[in-house]
Amino acid sequence: MFDGATVQQLTINGSTYDVRLAGRQAQAVRVDKDLMLGKGATMARAAVAMEMVSGCIVRNVYSDGIITTAGLKCRDMAKLVRPEPLQRASYRCLPLPNWVEGQLKLAPYRCDLAGH
C-alpha cells in the first residue's frame, strides 16, 4: 500500500520516523535504534508524526514497535497534506498521547522545533 509513497522524516522527542501516506492510511516506520522505548511510547510518538505530516487526526492505531499504521480522519480529504520528498525536521512535543487500557488516548499537544 505504501510502496512508492513520498517519505517525510520527522523526529518526535528523540524518536525518528519515516512517514508515508496512502489514501486514508498513514504509516510511520521507526528508523532510530532506541531499544529502550516501549510500545506505548513508540505508538504515541508515531501518532504525532503521522498527524503532523498528514494534517489529519489518526485513528485505529496499530504498531509492532517498529512499524505503526493508522487510519486518517480528515475534515477534507481534498486538502490532505502531501509531504515533500526527504524533508526532515526534529520536534519536541508535550504532552504526548497516552497508551491507556489498550487504546491510544490522543489529547491536545504542542510541538516546537527542537533546539528553538
PDB file of N, CA and C in Angstrom:
ATOM      1  N   MET A   1       0.813  -1.198   0.000  1.00  0.00           N
ATOM      2  CA  MET A   1       0.000   0.000   0.000  1.00  0.00           C
ATOM      3  C   MET A   1       0.859   1.265   0.000  1.00  0.00           C
ATOM      4  N   PHE A   2       1.989   1.251   0.709  1.00  0.00           N
ATOM      5  CA  PHE A   2       2.812   2.449   0.839  1.00  0.00           C
ATOM      6  C   PHE A   2       4.009   2.446  -0.109  1.00  0.00           C
ATOM      7  N   ASP A   3       4.132   1.415  -0.950  1.00  0.00           N
ATOM      8  CA  ASP A   3       5.229   1.362  -1.912  1.00  0.00           C
ATOM      9  C   ASP A   3       5.170   2.576  -2.828  1.00  0.00           C
ATOM     10  N   GLY A   4       6.285   3.259  -2.962  1.00  0.00           N
ATOM     11  CA  GLY A   4       6.367   4.416  -3.843  1.00  0.00           C
ATOM     12  C   GLY A   4       5.827   5.700  -3.238  1.00  0.00           C
ATOM     13  N   ALA A   5       5.295   5.648  -2.008  1.00  0.00           N
ATOM     14  CA  ALA A   5       4.765   6.858  -1.371  1.00  0.00           C
ATOM     15  C   ALA A   5       5.924   7.760  -0.947  1.00  0.00           C
ATOM     16  N   THR A   6       5.701   9.054  -1.031  1.00  0.00           N
ATOM     17  CA  THR A   6       6.689  10.032  -0.615  1.00  0.00           C
ATOM     18  C   THR A   6       6.972   9.879   0.874  1.00  0.00           C
ATOM     19  N   VAL A   7       8.235   9.996   1.249  1.00  0.00           N
ATOM     20  CA  VAL A   7       8.648   9.853   2.639  1.00  0.00           C
ATOM     21  C   VAL A   7       8.971  11.225   3.226  1.00  0.00           C
ATOM     22  N   GLN A   8       8.469  11.470   4.424  1.00  0.00           N
ATOM     23  CA  GLN A   8       8.905  12.632   5.193  1.00  0.00           C
ATOM     24  C   GLN A   8       9.423  12.109   6.516  1.00  0.00           C
ATOM     25  N   GLN A   9      10.623  12.518   6.876  1.00  0.00           N
ATOM     26  CA  GLN A   9      11.230  12.030   8.104  1.00  0.00           C
ATOM     27  C   GLN A   9      11.070  13.081   9.199  1.00  0.00           C
ATOM     28  N   LEU A  10      10.482  12.662  10.320  1.00  0.00           N
ATOM     29  CA  LEU A  10      10.303  13.533  11.476  1.00  0.00           C
ATOM     30  C   LEU A  10      10.896  12.860  12.700  1.00  0.00           C
ATOM     31  N   THR A  11      11.480  13.663  13.565  1.00  0.00           N
ATOM     32  CA  THR A  11      11.930  13.195  14.857  1.00  0.00           C
ATOM     33  C   THR A  11      11.022  13.819  15.900  1.00  0.00           C
ATOM     34  N   ILE A  12      10.382  12.964  16.691  1.00  0.00           N
ATOM     35  CA  ILE A  12       9.474  13.404  17.747  1.00  0.00           C
ATOM     36  C   ILE A  12      10.069  12.968  19.084  1.00  0.00           C
ATOM     37  N   ASN A  13      10.438  13.942  19.898  1.00  0.00           N
ATOM     38  CA  ASN A  13      11.007  13.675  21.224  1.00  0.00           C
ATOM     39  C   ASN A  13      12.145  12.657  21.169  1.00  0.00           C
ATOM     40  N   GLY A  14      12.985  12.769  20.145  1.00  0.00           N
ATOM     41  CA  GLY A  14      14.159  11.912  20.033  1.00  0.00           C
ATOM     42  C   GLY A  14      13.973  10.637  19.241  1.00  0.00           C
ATOM     43  N   SER A  15      12.737  10.306  18.861  1.00  0.00           N
ATOM     44  CA  SER A  15      12.472   9.104  18.054  1.00  0.00           C
ATOM     45  C   SER A  15      12.223   9.525  16.610  1.00  0.00           C
ATOM     46  N   THR A  16      12.927   8.884  15.676  1.00  0.00           N
ATOM     47  CA  THR A  16      12.862   9.278  14.268  1.00  0.00           C
ATOM     48  C   THR A  16      12.006   8.296  13.481  1.00  0.00           C
ATOM     49  N   TYR A  17      11.109   8.842  12.646  1.00  0.00           N
ATOM     50  CA  TYR A  17      10.161   8.049  11.856  1.00  0.00           C
ATOM     51  C   TYR A  17      10.184   8.496  10.400  1.00  0.00           C
ATOM     52  N   ASP A  18      10.115   7.522   9.487  1.00  0.00           N
ATOM     53  CA  ASP A  18       9.826   7.785   8.082  1.00  0.00           C
ATOM     54  C   ASP A  18       8.315   7.646   7.931  1.00  0.00           C
ATOM     55  N   VAL A  19       7.647   8.724   7.560  1.00  0.00           N
ATOM     56  CA  VAL A  19       6.190   8.747   7.484  1.00  0.00           C
ATOM     57  C   VAL A  19       5.757   8.759   6.015  1.00  0.00           C
ATOM     58  N   ARG A  20       4.793   7.878   5.704  1.00  0.00           N
ATOM     59  CA  ARG A  20       4.228   7.772   4.361  1.00  0.00           C
ATOM     60  C   ARG A  20       2.707   7.832   4.459  1.00  0.00           C
ATOM     61  N   LEU A  21       2.087   8.378   3.411  1.00  0.00           N
ATOM     62  CA  LEU A  21       0.629   8.459   3.340  1.00  0.00           C
ATOM     63  C   LEU A  21       0.147   7.743   2.088  1.00  0.00           C
ATOM     64  N   ALA A  22      -1.005   7.077   2.216  1.00  0.00           N
ATOM     65  CA  ALA A  22      -1.646   6.422   1.066  1.00  0.00           C
ATOM     66  C   ALA A  22      -3.155   6.475   1.295  1.00  0.00           C
ATOM     67  N   GLY A  23      -3.829   7.354   0.567  1.00  0.00           N
ATOM     68  CA  GLY A  23      -5.273   7.495   0.749  1.00  0.00           C
ATOM     69  C   GLY A  23      -5.606   7.913   2.159  1.00  0.00           C
ATOM     70  N   ARG A  24      -6.448   7.127   2.821  1.00  0.00           N
ATOM     71  CA  ARG A  24      -6.844   7.429   4.199  1.00  0.00           C
ATOM     72  C   ARG A  24      -6.023   6.651   5.224  1.00  0.00           C
ATOM     73  N   GLN A  25      -4.820   6.248   4.844  1.00  0.00           N
ATOM     74  CA  GLN A  25      -3.940   5.488   5.722  1.00  0.00           C
ATOM     75  C   GLN A  25      -2.596   6.203   5.860  1.00  0.00           C
ATOM     76  N   ALA A  26      -1.982   6.041   7.023  1.00  0.00           N
ATOM     77  CA  ALA A  26      -0.639   6.574   7.256  1.00  0.00           C
ATOM     78  C   ALA A  26       0.215   5.469   7.859  1.00  0.00           C
ATOM     79  N   GLN A  27       1.507   5.572   7.607  1.00  0.00           N
ATOM     80  CA  GLN A  27       2.465   4.614   8.146  1.00  0.00           C
ATOM     81  C   GLN A  27       3.672   5.392   8.671  1.00  0.00           C
ATOM     82  N   ALA A  28       4.134   5.040   9.864  1.00  0.00           N
ATOM     83  CA  ALA A  28       5.347   5.621  10.432  1.00  0.00           C
ATOM     84  C   ALA A  28       6.280   4.470  10.787  1.00  0.00           C
ATOM     85  N   VAL A  29       7.442   4.457  10.169  1.00  0.00           N
ATOM     86  CA  VAL A  29       8.442   3.419  10.422  1.00  0.00           C
ATOM     87  C   VAL A  29       9.545   4.027  11.274  1.00  0.00           C
ATOM     88  N   ARG A  30       9.752   3.456  12.458  1.00  0.00           N
ATOM     89  CA  ARG A  30      10.800   3.962  13.352  1.00  0.00           C
ATOM     90  C   ARG A  30      12.155   3.570  12.795  1.00  0.00           C
ATOM     91  N   VAL A  31      13.029   4.554  12.604  1.00  0.00           N
ATOM     92  CA  VAL A  31      14.333   4.288  11.996  1.00  0.00           C
ATOM     93  C   VAL A  31      15.495   4.514  12.956  1.00  0.00           C
ATOM     94  N   ASP A  32      15.189   4.931  14.201  1.00  0.00           N
ATOM     95  CA  ASP A  32      16.268   5.088  15.175  1.00  0.00           C
ATOM     96  C   ASP A  32      16.530   3.755  15.871  1.00  0.00           C
ATOM     97  N   LYS A  33      17.507   3.729  16.716  1.00  0.00           N
ATOM     98  CA  LYS A  33      17.905   2.475  17.347  1.00  0.00           C
ATOM     99  C   LYS A  33      17.656   2.479  18.860  1.00  0.00           C
ATOM    100  N   ASP A  34      16.685   3.258  19.331  1.00  0.00           N
ATOM    101  CA  ASP A  34      16.374   3.339  20.763  1.00  0.00           C
ATOM    102  C   ASP A  34      15.620   2.083  21.184  1.00  0.00           C
ATOM    103  N   LEU A  35      16.346   1.096  21.683  1.00  0.00           N
ATOM    104  CA  LEU A  35      15.738  -0.180  22.057  1.00  0.00           C
ATOM    105  C   LEU A  35      14.989  -0.121  23.378  1.00  0.00           C
ATOM    106  N   MET A  36      15.198   0.919  24.161  1.00  0.00           N
ATOM    107  CA  MET A  36      14.565   1.033  25.470  1.00  0.00           C
ATOM    108  C   MET A  36      13.159   1.636  25.394  1.00  0.00           C
ATOM    109  N   LEU A  37      12.782   2.159  24.258  1.00  0.00           N
ATOM    110  CA  LEU A  37      11.486   2.805  24.114  1.00  0.00           C
ATOM    111  C   LEU A  37      10.394   1.744  24.072  1.00  0.00           C
ATOM    112  N   GLY A  38       9.395   1.852  24.927  1.00  0.00           N
ATOM    113  CA  GLY A  38       8.302   0.894  24.974  1.00  0.00           C
ATOM    114  C   GLY A  38       7.315   1.081  23.836  1.00  0.00           C
ATOM    115  N   LYS A  39       6.463   0.084  23.647  1.00  0.00           N
ATOM    116  CA  LYS A  39       5.490   0.107  22.556  1.00  0.00           C
ATOM    117  C   LYS A  39       4.523   1.290  22.686  1.00  0.00           C
ATOM    118  N   GLY A  40       4.069   1.584  23.885  1.00  0.00           N
ATOM    119  CA  GLY A  40       3.143   2.697  24.078  1.00  0.00           C
ATOM    120  C   GLY A  40       3.762   4.026  23.690  1.00  0.00           C
ATOM    121  N   ALA A  41       5.010   4.253  24.108  1.00  0.00           N
ATOM    122  CA  ALA A  41       5.702   5.495  23.758  1.00  0.00           C
ATOM    123  C   ALA A  41       5.958   5.562  22.254  1.00  0.00           C
ATOM    124  N   THR A  42       6.304   4.424  21.658  1.00  0.00           N
ATOM    125  CA  THR A  42       6.510   4.381  20.208  1.00  0.00           C
ATOM    126  C   THR A  42       5.229   4.760  19.469  1.00  0.00           C
ATOM    127  N   MET A  43       4.108   4.176  19.889  1.00  0.00           N
ATOM    128  CA  MET A  43       2.828   4.469  19.232  1.00  0.00           C
ATOM    129  C   MET A  43       2.452   5.936  19.384  1.00  0.00           C
ATOM    130  N   ALA A  44       2.672   6.499  20.565  1.00  0.00           N
ATOM    131  CA  ALA A  44       2.325   7.896  20.803  1.00  0.00           C
ATOM    132  C   ALA A  44       3.147   8.825  19.918  1.00  0.00           C
ATOM    133  N   ARG A  45       4.449   8.598  19.864  1.00  0.00           N
ATOM    134  CA  ARG A  45       5.310   9.451  19.041  1.00  0.00           C
ATOM    135  C   ARG A  45       5.016   9.273  17.558  1.00  0.00           C
ATOM    136  N   ALA A  46       4.771   8.036  17.141  1.00  0.00           N
ATOM    137  CA  ALA A  46       4.438   7.780  15.738  1.00  0.00           C
ATOM    138  C   ALA A  46       3.110   8.443  15.371  1.00  0.00           C
ATOM    139  N   ALA A  47       2.132   8.399  16.283  1.00  0.00           N
ATOM    140  CA  ALA A  47       0.836   9.030  16.026  1.00  0.00           C
ATOM    141  C   ALA A  47       1.000  10.528  15.817  1.00  0.00           C
ATOM    142  N   VAL A  48       1.813  11.159  16.646  1.00  0.00           N
ATOM    143  CA  VAL A  48       2.074  12.596  16.494  1.00  0.00           C
ATOM    144  C   VAL A  48       2.728  12.860  15.138  1.00  0.00           C
ATOM    145  N   ALA A  49       3.713  12.046  14.766  1.00  0.00           N
ATOM    146  CA  ALA A  49       4.393  12.229  13.478  1.00  0.00           C
ATOM    147  C   ALA A  49       3.414  12.098  12.314  1.00  0.00           C
ATOM    148  N   MET A  50       2.528  11.085  12.365  1.00  0.00           N
ATOM    149  CA  MET A  50       1.555  10.895  11.278  1.00  0.00           C
ATOM    150  C   MET A  50       0.571  12.051  11.218  1.00  0.00           C
ATOM    151  N   GLU A  51       0.145  12.568  12.363  1.00  0.00           N
ATOM    152  CA  GLU A  51      -0.768  13.714  12.360  1.00  0.00           C
ATOM    153  C   GLU A  51      -0.085  14.955  11.798  1.00  0.00           C
ATOM    154  N   MET A  52       1.182  15.163  12.154  1.00  0.00           N
ATOM    155  CA  MET A  52       1.894  16.342  11.671  1.00  0.00           C
ATOM    156  C   MET A  52       2.106  16.288  10.160  1.00  0.00           C
ATOM    157  N   VAL A  53       2.430  15.127   9.642  1.00  0.00           N
ATOM    158  CA  VAL A  53       2.668  15.005   8.200  1.00  0.00           C
ATOM    159  C   VAL A  53       1.367  15.116   7.410  1.00  0.00           C
ATOM    160  N   SER A  54       0.302  14.483   7.904  1.00  0.00           N
ATOM    161  CA  SER A  54      -0.953  14.435   7.147  1.00  0.00           C
ATOM    162  C   SER A  54      -1.854  15.640   7.366  1.00  0.00           C
ATOM    163  N   GLY A  55      -1.744  16.270   8.536  1.00  0.00           N
ATOM    164  CA  GLY A  55      -2.676  17.338   8.875  1.00  0.00           C
ATOM    165  C   GLY A  55      -4.024  16.796   9.316  1.00  0.00           C
ATOM    166  N   CYS A  56      -4.111  15.495   9.571  1.00  0.00           N
ATOM    167  CA  CYS A  56      -5.359  14.828   9.948  1.00  0.00           C
ATOM    168  C   CYS A  56      -5.226  14.221  11.348  1.00  0.00           C
ATOM    169  N   ILE A  57      -6.331  13.730  11.879  1.00  0.00           N
ATOM    170  CA  ILE A  57      -6.338  13.022  13.155  1.00  0.00           C
ATOM    171  C   ILE A  57      -6.159  11.541  12.855  1.00  0.00           C
ATOM    172  N   VAL A  58      -5.290  10.862  13.632  1.00  0.00           N
ATOM    173  CA  VAL A  58      -5.122   9.427  13.440  1.00  0.00           C
ATOM    174  C   VAL A  58      -6.154   8.669  14.266  1.00  0.00           C
ATOM    175  N   ARG A  59      -6.528   7.502  13.768  1.00  0.00           N
ATOM    176  CA  ARG A  59      -7.450   6.625  14.487  1.00  0.00           C
ATOM    177  C   ARG A  59      -7.078   5.188  14.144  1.00  0.00           C
ATOM    178  N   ASN A  60      -7.541   4.263  14.947  1.00  0.00           N
ATOM    179  CA  ASN A  60      -7.243   2.844  14.719  1.00  0.00           C
ATOM    180  C   ASN A  60      -5.741   2.610  14.553  1.00  0.00           C
ATOM    181  N   VAL A  61      -4.999   3.031  15.558  1.00  0.00           N
ATOM    182  CA  VAL A  61      -3.540   2.929  15.516  1.00  0.00           C
ATOM    183  C   VAL A  61      -3.117   1.498  15.871  1.00  0.00           C
ATOM    184  N   TYR A  62      -2.192   0.948  15.084  1.00  0.00           N
ATOM    185  CA  TYR A  62      -1.624  -0.376  15.341  1.00  0.00           C
ATOM    186  C   TYR A  62      -0.112  -0.273  15.191  1.00  0.00           C
ATOM    187  N   SER A  63       0.619  -0.952  16.070  1.00  0.00           N
ATOM    188  CA  SER A  63       2.079  -0.935  15.974  1.00  0.00           C
ATOM    189  C   SER A  63       2.662  -2.255  16.431  1.00  0.00           C
ATOM    190  N   ASP A  64       3.749  -2.644  15.782  1.00  0.00           N
ATOM    191  CA  ASP A  64       4.520  -3.795  16.258  1.00  0.00           C
ATOM    192  C   ASP A  64       5.771  -3.320  16.998  1.00  0.00           C
ATOM    193  N   GLY A  65       5.864  -2.017  17.232  1.00  0.00           N
ATOM    194  CA  GLY A  65       7.020  -1.434  17.900  1.00  0.00           C
ATOM    195  C   GLY A  65       7.991  -0.782  16.933  1.00  0.00           C
ATOM    196  N   ILE A  66       7.930  -1.154  15.677  1.00  0.00           N
ATOM    197  CA  ILE A  66       8.771  -0.563  14.632  1.00  0.00           C
ATOM    198  C   ILE A  66       7.895   0.139  13.593  1.00  0.00           C
ATOM    199  N   ILE A  67       6.921  -0.583  13.056  1.00  0.00           N
ATOM    200  CA  ILE A  67       6.019  -0.027  12.040  1.00  0.00           C
ATOM    201  C   ILE A  67       4.672   0.266  12.700  1.00  0.00           C
ATOM    202  N   THR A  68       4.237   1.512  12.588  1.00  0.00           N
ATOM    203  CA  THR A  68       2.949   1.928  13.128  1.00  0.00           C
ATOM    204  C   THR A  68       2.078   2.377  11.968  1.00  0.00           C
ATOM    205  N   THR A  69       0.852   1.884  11.930  1.00  0.00           N
ATOM    206  CA  THR A  69      -0.094   2.304  10.893  1.00  0.00           C
ATOM    207  C   THR A  69      -1.337   2.867  11.561  1.00  0.00           C
ATOM    208  N   ALA A  70      -2.050   3.698  10.819  1.00  0.00           N
ATOM    209  CA  ALA A  70      -3.271   4.303  11.354  1.00  0.00           C
ATOM    210  C   ALA A  70      -4.158   4.757  10.217  1.00  0.00           C
ATOM    211  N   GLY A  71      -5.457   4.777  10.494  1.00  0.00           N
ATOM    212  CA  GLY A  71      -6.397   5.416   9.591  1.00  0.00           C
ATOM    213  C   GLY A  71      -6.342   6.913   9.823  1.00  0.00           C
ATOM    214  N   LEU A  72      -6.731   7.682   8.818  1.00  0.00           N
ATOM    215  CA  LEU A  72      -6.727   9.136   8.934  1.00  0.00           C
ATOM    216  C   LEU A  72      -8.151   9.662   8.895  1.00  0.00           C
ATOM    217  N   LYS A  73      -8.464  10.541   9.812  1.00  0.00           N
ATOM    218  CA  LYS A  73      -9.759  11.210   9.829  1.00  0.00           C
ATOM    219  C   LYS A  73      -9.496  12.677   9.511  1.00  0.00           C
ATOM    220  N   CYS A  74      -9.895  13.066   8.297  1.00  0.00           N
ATOM    221  CA  CYS A  74      -9.633  14.418   7.818  1.00  0.00           C
ATOM    222  C   CYS A  74     -10.957  15.130   7.565  1.00  0.00           C
ATOM    223  N   ARG A  75     -10.971  16.399   7.870  1.00  0.00           N
ATOM    224  CA  ARG A  75     -12.186  17.181   7.591  1.00  0.00           C
ATOM    225  C   ARG A  75     -12.437  17.258   6.090  1.00  0.00           C
ATOM    226  N   ASP A  76     -11.367  17.379   5.327  1.00  0.00           N
ATOM    227  CA  ASP A  76     -11.492  17.495   3.880  1.00  0.00           C
ATOM    228  C   ASP A  76     -10.346  16.734   3.236  1.00  0.00           C
ATOM    229  N   MET A  77     -10.626  15.528   2.744  1.00  0.00           N
ATOM    230  CA  MET A  77      -9.570  14.697   2.146  1.00  0.00           C
ATOM    231  C   MET A  77      -8.899  15.388   0.965  1.00  0.00           C
ATOM    232  N   ALA A  78      -9.604  16.306   0.296  1.00  0.00           N
ATOM    233  CA  ALA A  78      -9.006  17.009  -0.839  1.00  0.00           C
ATOM    234  C   ALA A  78      -7.871  17.919  -0.377  1.00  0.00           C
ATOM    235  N   LYS A  79      -7.886  18.312   0.900  1.00  0.00           N
ATOM    236  CA  LYS A  79      -6.849  19.191   1.424  1.00  0.00           C
ATOM    237  C   LYS A  79      -5.793  18.419   2.217  1.00  0.00           C
ATOM    238  N   LEU A  80      -5.810  17.099   2.118  1.00  0.00           N
ATOM    239  CA  LEU A  80      -4.830  16.280   2.825  1.00  0.00           C
ATOM    240  C   LEU A  80      -3.429  16.715   2.424  1.00  0.00           C
ATOM    241  N   VAL A  81      -2.615  16.990   3.411  1.00  0.00           N
ATOM    242  CA  VAL A  81      -1.247  17.445   3.166  1.00  0.00           C
ATOM    243  C   VAL A  81      -0.439  16.293   2.576  1.00  0.00           C
ATOM    244  N   ARG A  82       0.259  16.546   1.507  1.00  0.00           N
ATOM    245  CA  ARG A  82       1.166  15.559   0.922  1.00  0.00           C
ATOM    246  C   ARG A  82       2.581  16.044   1.146  1.00  0.00           C
ATOM    247  N   PRO A  83       3.407  15.247   1.793  1.00  0.00           N
ATOM    248  CA  PRO A  83       4.752  15.713   2.132  1.00  0.00           C
ATOM    249  C   PRO A  83       5.646  15.868   0.922  1.00  0.00           C
ATOM    250  N   GLU A  84       6.594  16.779   1.040  1.00  0.00           N
ATOM    251  CA  GLU A  84       7.639  16.920   0.033  1.00  0.00           C
ATOM    252  C   GLU A  84       8.673  15.829   0.285  1.00  0.00           C
ATOM    253  N   PRO A  85       9.338  15.348  -0.760  1.00  0.00           N
ATOM    254  CA  PRO A  85      10.317  14.277  -0.586  1.00  0.00           C
ATOM    255  C   PRO A  85      11.466  14.676   0.345  1.00  0.00           C
ATOM    256  N   LEU A  86      11.834  13.747   1.215  1.00  0.00           N
ATOM    257  CA  LEU A  86      13.031  13.827   2.031  1.00  0.00           C
ATOM    258  C   LEU A  86      13.128  15.049   2.926  1.00  0.00           C
ATOM    259  N   GLN A  87      11.999  15.621   3.342  1.00  0.00           N
ATOM    260  CA  GLN A  87      12.062  16.683   4.340  1.00  0.00           C
ATOM    261  C   GLN A  87      12.373  16.051   5.686  1.00  0.00           C
ATOM    262  N   ARG A  88      13.155  16.732   6.464  1.00  0.00           N
ATOM    263  CA  ARG A  88      13.486  16.231   7.800  1.00  0.00           C
ATOM    264  C   ARG A  88      13.316  17.365   8.790  1.00  0.00           C
ATOM    265  N   ALA A  89      12.770  17.039   9.931  1.00  0.00           N
ATOM    266  CA  ALA A  89      12.622  18.026  10.990  1.00  0.00           C
ATOM    267  C   ALA A  89      12.598  17.295  12.325  1.00  0.00           C
ATOM    268  N   SER A  90      13.010  17.992  13.367  1.00  0.00           N
ATOM    269  CA  SER A  90      13.008  17.425  14.710  1.00  0.00           C
ATOM    270  C   SER A  90      12.155  18.316  15.606  1.00  0.00           C
ATOM    271  N   TYR A  91      11.218  17.678  16.331  1.00  0.00           N
ATOM    272  CA  TYR A  91      10.270  18.406  17.175  1.00  0.00           C
ATOM    273  C   TYR A  91      10.312  17.891  18.596  1.00  0.00           C
ATOM    274  N   ARG A  92       9.987  18.771  19.532  1.00  0.00           N
ATOM    275  CA  ARG A  92       9.761  18.425  20.935  1.00  0.00           C
ATOM    276  C   ARG A  92       8.277  18.658  21.179  1.00  0.00           C
ATOM    277  N   CYS A  93       7.551  17.602  21.524  1.00  0.00           N
ATOM    278  CA  CYS A  93       6.098  17.671  21.674  1.00  0.00           C
ATOM    279  C   CYS A  93       5.694  17.319  23.100  1.00  0.00           C
ATOM    280  N   LEU A  94       4.810  18.128  23.677  1.00  0.00           N
ATOM    281  CA  LEU A  94       4.300  17.887  25.020  1.00  0.00           C
ATOM    282  C   LEU A  94       2.842  18.302  25.105  1.00  0.00           C
ATOM    283  N   PRO A  95       2.023  17.686  25.892  1.00  0.00           N
ATOM    284  CA  PRO A  95       2.249  16.330  26.387  1.00  0.00           C
ATOM    285  C   PRO A  95       2.000  15.340  25.267  1.00  0.00           C
ATOM    286  N   LEU A  96       2.631  14.199  25.316  1.00  0.00           N
ATOM    287  CA  LEU A  96       2.402  13.160  24.310  1.00  0.00           C
ATOM    288  C   LEU A  96       1.107  12.423  24.622  1.00  0.00           C
ATOM    289  N   PRO A  97       0.490  11.849  23.591  1.00  0.00           N
ATOM    290  CA  PRO A  97      -0.683  10.999  23.844  1.00  0.00           C
ATOM    291  C   PRO A  97      -0.313   9.836  24.762  1.00  0.00           C
ATOM    292  N   ASN A  98      -1.284   9.256  25.404  1.00  0.00           N
ATOM    293  CA  ASN A  98      -1.057   8.150  26.333  1.00  0.00           C
ATOM    294  C   ASN A  98      -1.636   6.849  25.808  1.00  0.00           C
ATOM    295  N   TRP A  99      -1.002   5.749  26.173  1.00  0.00           N
ATOM    296  CA  TRP A  99      -1.491   4.407  25.868  1.00  0.00           C
ATOM    297  C   TRP A  99      -2.196   3.931  27.118  1.00  0.00           C
ATOM    298  N   VAL A 100      -3.535   3.851  27.086  1.00  0.00           N
ATOM    299  CA  VAL A 100      -4.329   3.521  28.267  1.00  0.00           C
ATOM    300  C   VAL A 100      -5.302   2.408  27.924  1.00  0.00           C
ATOM    301  N   GLU A 101      -5.264   1.335  28.709  1.00  0.00           N
ATOM    302  CA  GLU A 101      -6.205   0.228  28.558  1.00  0.00           C
ATOM    303  C   GLU A 101      -6.315  -0.251  27.104  1.00  0.00           C
ATOM    304  N   GLY A 102      -5.167  -0.405  26.465  1.00  0.00           N
ATOM    305  CA  GLY A 102      -5.143  -0.945  25.112  1.00  0.00           C
ATOM    306  C   GLY A 102      -5.520   0.022  24.014  1.00  0.00           C
ATOM    307  N   GLN A 103      -5.663   1.313  24.354  1.00  0.00           N
ATOM    308  CA  GLN A 103      -6.003   2.306  23.334  1.00  0.00           C
ATOM    309  C   GLN A 103      -5.107   3.524  23.465  1.00  0.00           C
ATOM    310  N   LEU A 104      -4.812   4.122  22.325  1.00  0.00           N
ATOM    311  CA  LEU A 104      -4.047   5.355  22.304  1.00  0.00           C
ATOM    312  C   LEU A 104      -5.011   6.501  22.570  1.00  0.00           C
ATOM    313  N   LYS A 105      -4.781   7.226  23.644  1.00  0.00           N
ATOM    314  CA  LYS A 105      -5.629   8.361  24.018  1.00  0.00           C
ATOM    315  C   LYS A 105      -4.944   9.633  23.550  1.00  0.00           C
ATOM    316  N   LEU A 106      -5.484  10.210  22.481  1.00  0.00           N
ATOM    317  CA  LEU A 106      -4.914  11.442  21.953  1.00  0.00           C
ATOM    318  C   LEU A 106      -5.495  12.620  22.708  1.00  0.00           C
ATOM    319  N   ALA A 107      -4.641  13.525  23.089  1.00  0.00           N
ATOM    320  CA  ALA A 107      -5.047  14.739  23.782  1.00  0.00           C
ATOM    321  C   ALA A 107      -4.356  15.909  23.082  1.00  0.00           C
ATOM    322  N   PRO A 108      -4.823  17.112  23.300  1.00  0.00           N
ATOM    323  CA  PRO A 108      -4.136  18.258  22.682  1.00  0.00           C
ATOM    324  C   PRO A 108      -2.663  18.288  23.088  1.00  0.00           C
ATOM    325  N   TYR A 109      -1.815  18.538  22.127  1.00  0.00           N
ATOM    326  CA  TYR A 109      -0.388  18.623  22.394  1.00  0.00           C
ATOM    327  C   TYR A 109       0.178  19.765  21.577  1.00  0.00           C
ATOM    328  N   ARG A 110       1.367  20.188  21.947  1.00  0.00           N
ATOM    329  CA  ARG A 110       2.039  21.273  21.236  1.00  0.00           C
ATOM    330  C   ARG A 110       3.420  20.785  20.836  1.00  0.00           C
ATOM    331  N   CYS A 111       3.789  21.051  19.596  1.00  0.00           N
ATOM    332  CA  CYS A 111       5.112  20.670  19.098  1.00  0.00           C
ATOM    333  C   CYS A 111       5.873  21.910  18.668  1.00  0.00           C
ATOM    334  N   ASP A 112       7.108  21.992  19.092  1.00  0.00           N
ATOM    335  CA  ASP A 112       8.003  23.078  18.688  1.00  0.00           C
ATOM    336  C   ASP A 112       9.239  22.454  18.066  1.00  0.00           C
ATOM    337  N   LEU A 113       9.853  23.164  17.109  1.00  0.00           N
ATOM    338  CA  LEU A 113      11.093  22.663  16.536  1.00  0.00           C
ATOM    339  C   LEU A 113      12.112  22.491  17.652  1.00  0.00           C
ATOM    340  N   ALA A 114      12.771  21.342  17.661  1.00  0.00           N
ATOM    341  CA  ALA A 114      13.771  21.054  18.691  1.00  0.00           C
ATOM    342  C   ALA A 114      14.926  22.041  18.542  1.00  0.00           C
ATOM    343  N   GLY A 115      15.409  22.514  19.672  1.00  0.00           N
ATOM    344  CA  GLY A 115      16.534  23.435  19.651  1.00  0.00           C
ATOM    345  C   GLY A 115      16.123  24.877  19.485  1.00  0.00           C
ATOM    346  N   HIS A 116      14.799  25.149  19.456  1.00  0.00           N
ATOM    347  CA  HIS A 116      14.332  26.536  19.312  1.00  0.00           C
ATOM    348  C   HIS A 116      13.588  26.981  20.543  1.00  0.00           C
TER     349      HIS A 116
END
